[in-house]
Protein backbone atom coordinates (compact mmCIF):
# COMPACT_ATOMS: atom_id res chain seq x y z
CA UNK A 1 0.04 0.01 -0.03
CA UNK A 2 1.82 3.47 -0.66
CA UNK A 3 0.35 6.60 0.56
CA UNK A 4 0.49 9.39 -2.24
CA UNK A 5 1.73 12.93 -1.34
CA UNK A 6 3.40 15.26 -3.42
CA UNK A 7 6.16 13.06 -5.37
CA UNK A 8 6.39 10.88 -1.47
CA UNK A 9 5.24 6.90 -1.84
CA UNK A 10 5.47 4.86 1.49
CA UNK A 11 6.40 1.28 0.96
CA UNK A 12 4.86 -1.75 3.05
CA UNK A 13 4.62 -5.14 2.23
CA UNK A 14 1.93 -7.73 1.52
CA UNK A 15 -0.55 -9.24 4.53
CA UNK A 16 -2.68 -7.72 7.46
CA UNK A 17 -1.34 -5.26 9.76
CA UNK A 18 0.05 -1.59 9.81
CA UNK A 19 2.70 -0.07 7.85
CA UNK A 20 3.95 3.28 7.35
CA UNK A 21 0.77 4.55 9.85
CA UNK A 22 -1.64 2.91 8.37
CA UNK A 23 -3.68 -0.22 9.02
CA UNK A 24 -4.63 -2.56 6.07
CA UNK A 25 -6.90 -4.78 4.66
CA UNK A 26 -6.41 -8.58 4.28
CA UNK A 27 -4.18 -9.60 0.88
CA UNK A 28 -5.11 -12.27 -0.80
CA UNK A 29 -8.69 -12.80 0.57
CA UNK A 30 -10.44 -13.52 -2.53
CA UNK A 31 -9.77 -14.13 -6.19
CA UNK A 32 -11.78 -13.35 -9.63
CA UNK A 33 -14.53 -15.52 -8.36
CA UNK A 34 -15.03 -14.71 -4.61
CA UNK A 35 -15.12 -10.68 -5.98
CA UNK A 36 -17.79 -11.51 -9.01
CA UNK A 37 -19.81 -12.95 -6.13
CA UNK A 38 -19.70 -10.10 -3.84
CA UNK A 39 -20.48 -7.32 -6.53
CA UNK A 40 -23.52 -9.77 -8.08
CA UNK A 41 -24.58 -10.77 -4.71
CA UNK A 42 -24.70 -6.79 -4.16
CA UNK A 43 -26.79 -6.57 -7.12
CA UNK A 44 -28.94 -9.51 -5.90
CA UNK A 45 -30.52 -11.26 -9.24
CA UNK A 46 -33.51 -12.42 -7.34
CA UNK A 47 -34.47 -9.31 -4.93
CA UNK A 48 -33.65 -6.76 -8.49
CA UNK A 49 -36.07 -9.21 -10.62
CA UNK A 50 -39.30 -9.70 -7.98
CA UNK A 51 -38.70 -6.25 -6.78
CA UNK A 52 -37.83 -3.94 -9.73
CA UNK A 53 -39.20 -6.33 -12.99
CA UNK A 54 -42.72 -5.98 -11.90
CA UNK A 55 -42.73 -2.31 -11.72
CA UNK A 56 -40.65 -2.23 -14.96
CA UNK A 57 -43.54 -4.05 -16.75
CA UNK A 58 -47.10 -2.82 -14.91
CA UNK A 59 -46.29 0.82 -14.69
CA UNK A 60 -43.10 1.27 -16.78
CA UNK A 61 -42.21 -0.52 -20.28
CA UNK A 62 -44.91 -3.05 -20.11
CA UNK A 63 -43.96 -5.77 -22.59
CA UNK A 64 -40.51 -4.16 -23.66
CA UNK A 65 -39.07 -4.59 -20.17
CA UNK A 66 -36.64 -6.48 -21.45
CA UNK A 67 -36.02 -3.73 -24.09
CA UNK A 68 -35.07 -1.59 -21.02
CA UNK A 69 -32.76 -4.15 -19.70
CA UNK A 70 -30.71 -3.98 -22.68
CA UNK A 71 -30.58 -0.35 -23.14
CA UNK A 72 -29.50 -0.49 -19.31
CA UNK A 73 -26.70 -3.25 -20.32
CA UNK A 74 -25.38 -1.06 -22.80
CA UNK A 75 -24.97 2.02 -20.77
CA UNK A 76 -23.36 0.57 -18.11
CA UNK A 77 -21.12 -1.64 -20.26
CA UNK A 78 -20.17 1.60 -21.94
CA UNK A 79 -19.93 3.24 -17.97
CA UNK A 80 -17.24 0.07 -16.84
CA UNK A 81 -15.17 0.52 -20.40
CA UNK A 82 -13.94 3.86 -18.59
CA UNK A 83 -14.22 2.52 -14.73
CA UNK A 84 -12.17 -0.21 -15.19
CA UNK A 85 -9.60 1.49 -17.66
CA UNK A 86 -8.85 3.47 -14.26
CA UNK A 87 -9.32 0.84 -12.34
CA UNK A 88 -5.76 -1.08 -13.54
CA UNK A 89 -4.36 2.29 -12.11
CA UNK A 90 -5.73 3.11 -8.69
CA UNK A 91 -6.83 0.28 -5.99
CA UNK A 92 -8.18 1.45 -3.27
CA UNK A 93 -10.87 0.16 -0.84
CA UNK A 94 -12.44 3.81 -1.47
CA UNK A 95 -13.24 3.32 -4.76
CA UNK A 96 -15.18 6.19 -6.35
CA UNK A 97 -13.69 8.39 -3.39
CA UNK A 98 -10.04 7.56 -4.60
CA UNK A 99 -10.82 7.68 -8.21
CA UNK A 100 -12.74 11.22 -8.14
CA UNK A 101 -10.37 12.72 -5.70
CA UNK A 102 -7.51 11.57 -8.22
CA UNK A 103 -9.40 12.34 -11.47
CA UNK A 104 -11.68 15.84 -10.22
CA UNK A 105 -9.49 16.65 -7.14
CA UNK A 106 -9.80 16.15 -3.73
CA UNK A 107 -12.64 18.85 -2.75
CA UNK A 108 -15.08 16.88 -5.24
CA UNK A 109 -13.65 13.69 -3.93
CA UNK A 110 -14.79 14.27 -0.57
CA UNK A 111 -17.87 15.37 -1.25
CA UNK A 112 -18.59 12.37 -3.54
CA UNK A 113 -16.81 9.99 -1.04
CA UNK A 114 -19.33 11.40 1.42
CA UNK A 115 -22.48 11.04 -1.27
CA UNK A 116 -21.65 7.42 -1.52
CA UNK A 117 -20.92 6.72 2.08
CA UNK A 118 -24.35 8.08 2.71
CA UNK A 119 -25.65 5.69 -0.62
CA UNK A 120 -24.11 1.99 1.08
CA UNK A 121 -24.67 3.28 4.68
CA UNK A 122 -28.51 3.45 3.91
CA UNK A 123 -28.59 0.17 1.69
CA UNK A 124 -27.97 -2.31 4.11
CA UNK A 125 -31.11 -0.97 6.05
CA UNK A 126 -33.06 -0.97 3.10
CA UNK A 127 -32.79 -4.50 1.95
CA UNK A 128 -32.91 -5.63 5.66
CA UNK A 129 -36.53 -4.50 4.97
CA UNK A 130 -37.49 -6.40 2.24
CA UNK A 131 -35.49 -9.23 4.27
CA UNK A 132 -37.50 -8.69 7.20
CA UNK A 133 -41.24 -8.23 4.73
CA UNK A 134 -40.40 -11.78 2.83
CA UNK A 135 -39.03 -13.65 5.87
CA UNK A 136 -42.00 -12.37 8.19
CA UNK A 137 -44.65 -13.48 5.14
CA UNK A 138 -42.78 -16.86 4.31
CA UNK A 139 -42.59 -18.36 7.81
CA UNK A 140 -46.39 -16.66 8.85
CA UNK A 141 -47.67 -19.02 5.54
CA UNK A 142 -45.25 -22.03 5.76
CA UNK A 143 -44.65 -21.95 9.41
CA UNK A 144 -47.95 -20.49 10.89
CA UNK A 145 -45.81 -18.35 13.02
CA UNK A 146 -46.42 -14.45 13.06
CA UNK A 147 -44.00 -12.25 14.83
CA UNK A 148 -43.30 -8.35 14.57
CA UNK A 149 -41.21 -7.98 11.35
CA UNK A 150 -38.42 -6.21 13.90
CA UNK A 151 -37.63 -9.63 15.23
CA UNK A 152 -36.66 -10.84 11.55
CA UNK A 153 -34.48 -7.47 10.89
CA UNK A 154 -32.62 -7.58 14.01
CA UNK A 155 -31.79 -11.44 13.36
CA UNK A 156 -30.01 -10.44 9.83
CA UNK A 157 -28.64 -7.45 11.60
CA UNK A 158 -26.83 -9.87 14.24
CA UNK A 159 -25.99 -12.25 11.75
CA UNK A 160 -24.14 -9.98 8.85
CA UNK A 161 -22.51 -8.31 11.94
CA UNK A 162 -20.69 -11.51 13.10
CA UNK A 163 -20.13 -12.82 9.69
CA UNK A 164 -18.24 -9.13 8.68
CA UNK A 165 -15.70 -9.74 11.62
CA UNK A 166 -14.07 -11.84 9.81
CA UNK A 167 -12.11 -11.54 6.47
CA UNK A 168 -13.70 -11.88 3.48
CA UNK A 169 -12.93 -15.37 2.51
CA UNK A 170 -15.93 -16.05 4.68
CA UNK A 171 -18.59 -13.88 3.59
CA UNK A 172 -17.14 -14.49 -0.35
CA UNK A 173 -18.74 -18.56 0.26
CA UNK A 174 -21.83 -17.53 1.98
CA UNK A 175 -22.49 -15.19 -0.92
CA UNK A 176 -21.25 -17.52 -3.62
CA UNK A 177 -23.74 -20.23 -2.11
CA UNK A 178 -27.00 -18.24 -2.16
CA UNK A 179 -26.04 -16.59 -5.32
CA UNK A 180 -25.56 -19.84 -7.20
CA UNK A 181 -28.92 -20.39 -5.93
CA UNK A 182 -31.20 -17.62 -6.97
CA UNK A 183 -29.49 -17.81 -10.21
CA UNK A 184 -30.39 -21.38 -10.44
CA UNK A 185 -34.22 -21.06 -9.83
CA UNK A 186 -34.45 -18.00 -12.34
CA UNK A 187 -32.22 -19.59 -14.79
CA UNK A 188 -35.00 -22.88 -14.36
CA UNK A 189 -37.91 -20.89 -14.70
CA UNK A 190 -36.45 -19.14 -17.83
CA UNK A 191 -35.39 -22.30 -19.72
CA UNK A 192 -38.55 -23.99 -18.76
CA UNK A 193 -40.57 -21.05 -20.61
CA UNK A 194 -38.02 -21.45 -23.42
CA UNK A 195 -38.14 -24.91 -24.22
CA UNK A 196 -41.64 -25.01 -24.45
CA UNK A 197 -42.26 -22.53 -26.46
CA UNK A 198 -43.50 -19.54 -24.30
CA UNK A 199 -46.76 -19.08 -22.46
CA UNK A 200 -50.12 -17.93 -24.91
CA UNK A 201 -48.45 -15.68 -26.92
CA UNK A 202 -45.49 -18.15 -27.83
CA UNK A 203 -42.03 -16.11 -27.64
CA UNK A 204 -42.84 -12.19 -27.76
CA UNK A 205 -39.54 -11.65 -29.23
CA UNK A 206 -40.65 -8.80 -31.50
CA UNK A 207 -42.61 -6.74 -28.77
CA UNK A 208 -40.27 -7.43 -25.63
CA UNK A 209 -36.89 -6.74 -27.32
CA UNK A 210 -37.26 -4.31 -29.63
CA UNK A 211 -34.76 -1.57 -28.63
CA UNK A 212 -37.26 1.52 -29.20
CA UNK A 213 -39.82 -0.22 -26.54
CA UNK A 214 -37.47 1.11 -23.75
CA UNK A 215 -38.31 4.20 -24.77
CA UNK A 216 -41.96 3.48 -24.75
CA UNK A 217 -44.16 3.52 -21.64
CA UNK A 218 -47.03 0.97 -21.04
CA UNK A 219 -49.25 0.65 -23.31
CA UNK A 220 -46.44 1.20 -26.39
CA UNK A 221 -45.58 -2.63 -26.14
CA UNK A 222 -48.65 -4.78 -25.40
CA UNK A 223 -49.70 -2.74 -22.46
CA UNK A 224 -52.89 -0.31 -22.30
CA UNK A 225 -53.78 2.63 -21.27
CA UNK A 226 -50.19 3.95 -21.02
CA UNK A 227 -48.86 6.97 -22.66
CA UNK A 228 -46.30 5.67 -25.37
CA UNK A 229 -43.60 7.14 -23.67
CA UNK A 230 -43.23 9.60 -21.56
CA UNK A 231 -43.33 9.02 -17.33
CA UNK A 232 -43.76 5.23 -17.85
CA UNK A 233 -41.01 4.98 -20.08
CA UNK A 234 -38.78 6.93 -17.52
CA UNK A 235 -40.16 5.11 -14.70
CA UNK A 236 -39.43 1.46 -16.35
CA UNK A 237 -35.53 2.87 -17.19
CA UNK A 238 -35.03 4.24 -13.78
CA UNK A 239 -35.93 0.91 -12.10
CA UNK A 240 -33.72 -1.18 -14.68
CA UNK A 241 -30.69 0.52 -13.82
CA UNK A 242 -31.63 -0.05 -10.22
CA UNK A 243 -31.51 -3.38 -11.12
CA UNK A 244 -27.65 -3.14 -10.74
CA UNK A 245 -26.75 -1.11 -7.53
CA UNK A 246 -23.73 -2.34 -6.49
CA UNK A 247 -21.60 -4.11 -9.41
CA UNK A 248 -19.28 -0.89 -8.71
CA UNK A 249 -18.28 -2.89 -5.55
CA UNK A 250 -15.66 -4.91 -7.20
CA UNK A 251 -13.07 -2.04 -6.97
CA UNK A 252 -13.99 -1.55 -3.03
CA UNK A 253 -12.27 -5.24 -2.89
CA UNK A 254 -9.06 -4.51 -4.82
CA UNK A 255 -6.74 -4.55 -1.77
CA UNK A 256 -8.12 -7.84 -0.63
CA UNK A 257 -7.89 -9.16 -3.68
CA UNK A 258 -5.66 -11.42 -5.30
CA UNK A 259 -3.30 -9.31 -8.90
CA UNK A 260 -6.06 -6.14 -8.55
CA UNK A 261 -5.24 -5.08 -11.53
CA UNK A 262 -6.57 -7.89 -13.38
CA UNK A 263 -9.23 -9.07 -10.84
CA UNK A 264 -10.56 -5.54 -10.36
CA UNK A 265 -11.28 -4.91 -14.59
CA UNK A 266 -12.34 -8.71 -15.05
CA UNK A 267 -14.86 -8.84 -12.48
CA UNK A 268 -16.34 -5.48 -12.91
CA UNK A 269 -16.85 -6.06 -16.71
CA UNK A 270 -18.09 -9.98 -15.75
CA UNK A 271 -20.38 -8.21 -13.19
CA UNK A 272 -22.24 -5.66 -15.45
CA UNK A 273 -22.45 -7.55 -18.66
CA UNK A 274 -23.02 -10.98 -17.41
CA UNK A 275 -25.98 -9.89 -15.41
CA UNK A 276 -26.98 -7.52 -17.93
CA UNK A 277 -27.70 -10.72 -20.42
CA UNK A 278 -29.18 -12.56 -17.28
CA UNK A 279 -31.51 -9.74 -16.66
CA UNK A 280 -32.60 -9.53 -20.83
CA UNK A 281 -32.93 -13.20 -20.89
CA UNK A 282 -35.06 -13.73 -17.31
CA UNK A 283 -37.38 -10.83 -18.28
CA UNK A 284 -38.04 -11.90 -21.62
CA UNK A 285 -38.75 -15.29 -20.22
CA UNK A 286 -41.21 -13.69 -17.52
CA UNK A 287 -43.16 -11.38 -20.13
CA UNK A 288 -42.89 -14.92 -22.72
CA UNK A 289 -44.43 -17.04 -19.94
CA UNK A 290 -47.31 -14.61 -19.01
CA UNK A 291 -48.29 -13.60 -22.21
CA UNK A 292 -47.57 -9.98 -23.05
CA UNK A 293 -50.80 -8.53 -21.93
CA UNK A 294 -51.24 -10.66 -19.31
CA UNK A 295 -48.09 -9.66 -17.73
CA UNK A 296 -48.65 -5.95 -17.56
CA UNK A 297 -52.25 -6.95 -15.79
CA UNK A 298 -50.91 -9.03 -13.10
CA UNK A 299 -47.97 -6.53 -12.27
CA UNK A 300 -50.24 -4.08 -12.48
CA UNK A 301 -52.08 -5.38 -9.77
CA UNK A 302 -55.18 -6.31 -11.86
CA UNK A 303 -55.97 -9.86 -11.69
CA UNK A 304 -57.67 -10.50 -8.33
CA UNK A 305 -55.65 -12.10 -6.01
CA UNK A 306 -52.38 -11.74 -7.97
CA UNK A 307 -49.52 -9.65 -7.19
CA UNK A 308 -45.83 -9.03 -8.68
CA UNK A 309 -44.53 -12.17 -7.46
CA UNK A 310 -47.39 -14.39 -9.31
CA UNK A 311 -45.49 -13.51 -12.67
CA UNK A 312 -42.58 -16.01 -11.52
CA UNK A 313 -44.93 -18.20 -9.29
CA UNK A 314 -47.30 -18.71 -11.97
CA UNK A 315 -44.50 -20.14 -14.65
CA UNK A 316 -42.57 -22.01 -11.88
CA UNK A 317 -45.58 -23.84 -10.86
CA UNK A 318 -46.85 -24.68 -14.65
CA UNK A 319 -43.55 -25.74 -15.26
CA UNK A 320 -41.35 -27.03 -13.05
CA UNK A 321 -44.53 -27.63 -9.50
CA UNK A 322 -45.56 -26.17 -6.29
CA UNK A 323 -41.88 -27.43 -4.81
CA UNK A 324 -39.95 -25.08 -7.34
CA UNK A 325 -42.06 -22.23 -5.76
CA UNK A 326 -41.74 -23.25 -2.29
CA UNK A 327 -38.38 -22.96 -2.77
CA UNK A 328 -38.04 -19.62 -4.62
CA UNK A 329 -40.05 -18.26 -1.93
CA UNK A 330 -37.15 -19.61 0.21
CA UNK A 331 -34.48 -18.09 -2.01
CA UNK A 332 -35.95 -14.60 -2.45
CA UNK A 333 -35.26 -14.30 1.43
CA UNK A 334 -31.94 -16.05 1.38
CA UNK A 335 -30.93 -13.51 -1.75
CA UNK A 336 -31.89 -10.57 -0.18
CA UNK A 337 -30.16 -11.46 3.40
CA UNK A 338 -26.89 -11.85 0.78
CA UNK A 339 -28.21 -8.56 -0.67
CA UNK A 340 -27.84 -7.05 2.95
CA UNK A 341 -24.41 -8.42 3.75
CA UNK A 342 -22.74 -6.99 0.64
CA UNK A 343 -24.27 -3.62 0.97
CA UNK A 344 -22.91 -3.86 4.68
CA UNK A 345 -19.41 -4.79 3.26
CA UNK A 346 -19.26 -1.96 0.71
CA UNK A 347 -20.13 0.23 3.48
CA UNK A 348 -17.78 -0.57 6.12
CA UNK A 349 -14.99 -0.38 3.45
CA UNK A 350 -16.20 3.18 2.86
CA UNK A 351 -15.84 4.37 6.61
CA UNK A 352 -12.50 2.39 7.00
CA UNK A 353 -11.10 4.23 3.62
CA UNK A 354 -12.40 7.51 4.92
CA UNK A 355 -11.28 6.63 8.26
CA UNK A 356 -7.61 5.51 7.93
CA UNK A 357 -6.85 9.35 6.44
CA UNK A 358 -8.22 11.47 9.24
CA UNK A 359 -12.11 11.80 8.86
CA UNK A 360 -14.93 11.13 10.92
CA UNK A 361 -12.66 9.26 13.36
CA UNK A 362 -9.30 7.91 12.90
CA UNK A 363 -10.48 4.53 14.47
CA UNK A 364 -12.62 3.60 12.23
CA UNK A 365 -9.55 3.29 9.52
CA UNK A 366 -7.95 0.08 11.93
CA UNK A 367 -8.57 -3.33 10.97
CA UNK A 368 -8.68 -6.83 12.86
CA UNK A 369 -5.09 -7.74 14.26
CA UNK A 370 -5.96 -11.72 12.64
CA UNK A 371 -8.21 -11.23 10.24
CA UNK A 372 -7.36 -7.79 8.82
CA UNK A 373 -10.97 -7.18 8.66
CA UNK A 374 -12.16 -3.38 8.74
CA UNK A 375 -13.82 -4.57 12.27
CA UNK A 376 -14.74 -0.97 13.79
CA UNK A 377 -15.90 0.52 10.87
CA UNK A 378 -18.23 -2.43 10.29
CA UNK A 379 -19.57 -2.30 14.03
CA UNK A 380 -19.90 1.43 13.41
CA UNK A 381 -22.17 0.40 10.08
CA UNK A 382 -23.94 -2.29 11.95
CA UNK A 383 -25.12 0.36 14.49
CA UNK A 384 -26.05 2.65 11.81
CA UNK A 385 -28.04 0.06 10.30
CA UNK A 386 -29.91 -0.95 13.60
CA UNK A 387 -30.71 2.56 14.43
CA UNK A 388 -32.28 3.09 10.91
CA UNK A 389 -34.29 0.38 11.52
CA UNK A 390 -35.09 0.78 14.81
CA UNK A 391 -36.61 4.56 13.61
CA UNK A 392 -38.58 3.06 11.32
CA UNK A 393 -40.03 0.59 13.66
CA UNK A 394 -40.79 2.94 16.37
CA UNK A 395 -42.42 5.42 13.75
CA UNK A 396 -45.22 1.96 12.84
CA UNK A 397 -43.58 2.27 9.33
CA UNK A 398 -44.22 -0.98 7.14
CA UNK A 399 -41.30 -2.53 6.07
CA UNK A 400 -40.95 -2.92 2.57
CA UNK A 401 -43.53 -0.04 1.46
CA UNK A 402 -41.36 2.49 3.73
CA UNK A 403 -38.44 1.18 4.90
CA UNK A 404 -36.96 -0.44 1.76
CA UNK A 405 -38.59 1.86 -0.45
CA UNK A 406 -37.53 5.44 0.62
CA UNK A 407 -33.76 3.94 1.79
CA UNK A 408 -33.38 2.66 -1.39
CA UNK A 409 -34.44 5.55 -3.19
CA UNK A 410 -32.24 7.83 -1.24
CA UNK A 411 -29.05 5.31 -1.99
CA UNK A 412 -30.04 4.71 -5.30
CA UNK A 413 -29.89 8.71 -6.08
CA UNK A 414 -26.96 9.32 -4.37
CA UNK A 415 -24.71 6.38 -5.81
CA UNK A 416 -26.10 7.51 -9.28
CA UNK A 417 -24.34 10.72 -8.85
CA UNK A 418 -21.67 9.90 -7.93
CA UNK A 419 -21.11 7.13 -10.72
CA UNK A 420 -21.71 10.33 -13.26
CA UNK A 421 -19.02 12.20 -11.16
CA UNK A 422 -16.77 8.93 -11.77
CA UNK A 423 -17.38 9.14 -15.58
CA UNK A 424 -15.93 12.67 -15.39
CA UNK A 425 -13.21 11.65 -13.36
CA UNK A 426 -11.90 8.92 -15.77
CA UNK A 427 -11.29 11.90 -18.12
CA UNK A 428 -9.80 14.11 -16.12
CA UNK A 429 -7.27 11.64 -14.94
CA UNK A 430 -6.24 10.39 -18.51
CA UNK A 431 -6.66 13.57 -20.73
CA UNK A 432 -6.89 16.64 -18.46
CA UNK A 433 -4.07 15.84 -16.32
CA UNK A 434 -2.18 13.50 -19.14
CA UNK A 435 -1.65 10.40 -17.01
CA UNK A 436 -0.50 7.19 -18.32
CA UNK A 437 0.03 8.13 -22.09
CA UNK A 438 0.90 4.98 -22.75
CA UNK A 439 -3.15 3.49 -21.73
CA UNK A 440 -4.60 6.44 -22.66
CA UNK A 441 -7.27 6.02 -25.64
CA UNK A 442 -9.60 7.68 -27.45
CA UNK A 443 -12.35 5.11 -27.14
CA UNK A 444 -11.62 3.54 -23.60
CA UNK A 445 -10.94 6.90 -21.79
CA UNK A 446 -12.16 9.50 -23.10
CA UNK A 447 -15.62 8.91 -25.19
CA UNK A 448 -16.91 5.80 -23.37
CA UNK A 449 -16.84 7.75 -20.11
CA UNK A 450 -18.30 10.91 -21.55
CA UNK A 451 -21.18 8.62 -22.70
CA UNK A 452 -21.43 6.70 -19.83
CA UNK A 453 -21.64 10.10 -17.70
CA UNK A 454 -23.86 11.33 -19.87
CA UNK A 455 -26.00 8.16 -19.69
CA UNK A 456 -25.54 7.91 -15.88
CA UNK A 457 -27.12 11.76 -15.55
CA UNK A 458 -30.04 10.83 -17.72
CA UNK A 459 -30.96 8.60 -15.30
CA UNK A 460 -30.36 10.81 -12.12
CA UNK A 461 -32.74 13.08 -14.01
CA UNK A 462 -35.34 10.29 -14.42
CA UNK A 463 -35.36 9.60 -10.70
CA UNK A 464 -35.87 12.90 -9.85
CA UNK A 465 -38.72 13.55 -12.52
CA UNK A 466 -40.43 10.37 -11.43
CA UNK A 467 -39.37 10.22 -7.88
CA UNK A 468 -43.36 10.12 -6.33
CA UNK A 469 -44.28 7.34 -8.43
CA UNK A 470 -41.55 5.19 -7.87
CA UNK A 471 -42.03 5.86 -4.00
CA UNK A 472 -45.78 4.53 -4.01
CA UNK A 473 -47.16 4.90 -1.15
CA UNK A 474 -44.37 5.90 1.12
CA UNK A 475 -44.33 9.80 -1.62
CA UNK A 476 -46.09 11.44 1.45
CA UNK A 477 -43.62 11.19 4.24
CA UNK A 478 -41.49 13.45 5.56
CA UNK A 479 -38.35 11.40 4.90
CA UNK A 480 -39.24 11.40 0.92
CA UNK A 481 -39.48 15.39 0.91
CA UNK A 482 -36.51 16.30 2.71
CA UNK A 483 -34.59 13.47 0.28
CA UNK A 484 -33.08 15.68 -2.30
CA UNK A 485 -32.06 17.96 0.94
CA UNK A 486 -30.34 15.00 2.18
CA UNK A 487 -28.64 14.55 -1.40
CA UNK A 488 -27.77 18.06 -1.85
CA UNK A 489 -26.45 18.72 2.05
CA UNK A 490 -24.42 15.74 1.95
CA UNK A 491 -22.19 17.03 -1.17
CA UNK A 492 -22.22 20.30 -0.02
CA UNK A 493 -20.38 19.22 3.48
CA UNK A 494 -18.30 17.54 1.94
CA UNK A 495 -16.76 19.92 -0.29
CA UNK A 496 -17.39 22.82 3.10
CA UNK A 497 -14.77 19.82 4.90
CA UNK A 498 -12.61 19.54 2.30
CA UNK A 499 -11.93 23.08 1.99
CA UNK A 500 -11.74 23.59 5.23
CA UNK A 501 -9.21 20.64 5.24
CA UNK A 502 -7.07 22.33 2.47
CA UNK A 503 -7.14 25.89 4.69
CA UNK A 504 -6.63 24.37 8.33
CA UNK A 505 -5.40 21.09 8.31
CA UNK A 506 -3.24 20.34 5.16
CA UNK A 507 -1.48 17.33 6.34
CA UNK A 508 -4.93 15.58 6.01
CA UNK A 509 -5.95 17.38 3.13
CA UNK A 510 -2.65 15.66 1.27
CA UNK A 511 -3.73 12.18 2.31
CA UNK A 512 -7.22 12.59 0.66
CA UNK A 513 -8.41 10.08 -1.46
CA UNK A 514 -4.77 9.37 -1.76
CA UNK A 515 -4.24 5.70 -0.12
CA UNK A 516 -4.02 3.07 -2.62
CA UNK A 517 -2.28 -0.69 -2.90
CA UNK A 518 1.48 -0.13 -3.87
CA UNK A 519 1.44 -2.27 -7.36
CA UNK A 520 -1.70 -0.60 -8.49
CA UNK A 521 -0.59 3.56 -7.49
CA UNK A 522 -0.17 5.73 -10.09
CA UNK A 523 3.36 7.06 -10.48
CA UNK A 524 3.92 10.10 -11.83
CA UNK A 525 6.95 10.88 -10.96
CA UNK A 526 6.40 14.55 -10.38
CA UNK A 527 5.08 16.33 -6.83
CA UNK A 528 1.34 16.31 -6.68
CA UNK A 529 0.22 19.94 -5.79
CA UNK A 530 -1.59 19.69 -1.99
CA UNK A 531 -3.98 22.59 -3.64
CA UNK A 532 -5.52 20.03 -6.24
């Protein structure tokens, strides 16, 4: 690991411990499969499909939902091209925080780091809300036991806190098992629909995969009563993009991975493209299995006795039997738990990254002497997540309609802004600052990140415009009304903190976003101005 400050580079060796005054994460904890599992588990395919796809079909793009996932796959792949170009040179637990600090300067980097931290901190509590909701319903239906949802959320919090105390090897194994199972069941029902030729309308390839249907609302692609392209299309695209949130976490595990220069770029592209192709296939088969018009009606709740999950339950029961429906219900629970645990790891590493650089509290930057895990930051994240869950519980709010929906919207808004800035940081680092001319490329480091940044900015605009519809029943809450101010205030607070550090604590300011793994550190050979 190296601390970049001016032209000085601290030298350390591999392994966990404390070197050059910096506690380091345990190296070689995970390989390429482990990092991919962590990233894809954060994206949570079964949670994304059961939670987002019914909205994309019922309120967004109708039977053209797969086309929305095609568009999102293309935009995020283009974004990833620039992202991985920077990941080949900079490896740090702060990921976005470090990248933006290098590409756009420490001031914007600090503000982006706090915004990313806000996103990952609330995501764990949000997904725990979905986990508690799904587990409570499942236990009540299959075991006849009815408990308040807070008990299930508390159980999830406790198990995650204990597992995060150890190194990533244990977490990666658990996430790997959960991921394989949820991908297997989604893949099984999709393949069953494919080999049997689809549902009442056959394989609706024309309506489902026509690229133009990504920009048409319900009614323009096999639905009825839609606007043919306004709010419906925007809402559908937003929730399609939401299904990938978490894939960028690959860079956070660079310091703990083997050969991060190769592992992080490969894991990122595998996660984005692999998850994208999977989402397109599953959404296409789910629409085909239900029939274009019927899928929209079920997703809207217009069919008596049916809800969004019936989009999956009906084809599962018809093709594989009732046992598959039961297994699927349990995998929704395990998948949401895996997603919450993955977000916990992300948040802990952001807290660790800013803690070891002397912000918030330096104790957050400590690592466990044996496991090399960011145990202090992890404990702090558990406390924050518990406080958020307790707040919603005491307010008498619903774990899905309020806790999950509101905090997921808040986190998504924040992380999309950071992703946009990260795209522009790639351009700034390679082309404005002129770093690594041998790696610089007209497409990979200029056109791709610019296109990705513009695309991500468009998604942010979709979220802002359609946030009322996205929030549903929670749109009338105080937290929903405060959401734009929380995001803006966090970013402005980060700018103010960085400017104050530059004026009053130049030693800490010089470290901002500059603690990186040595073998991936940039080597400019020139002193970097402290005021950058």
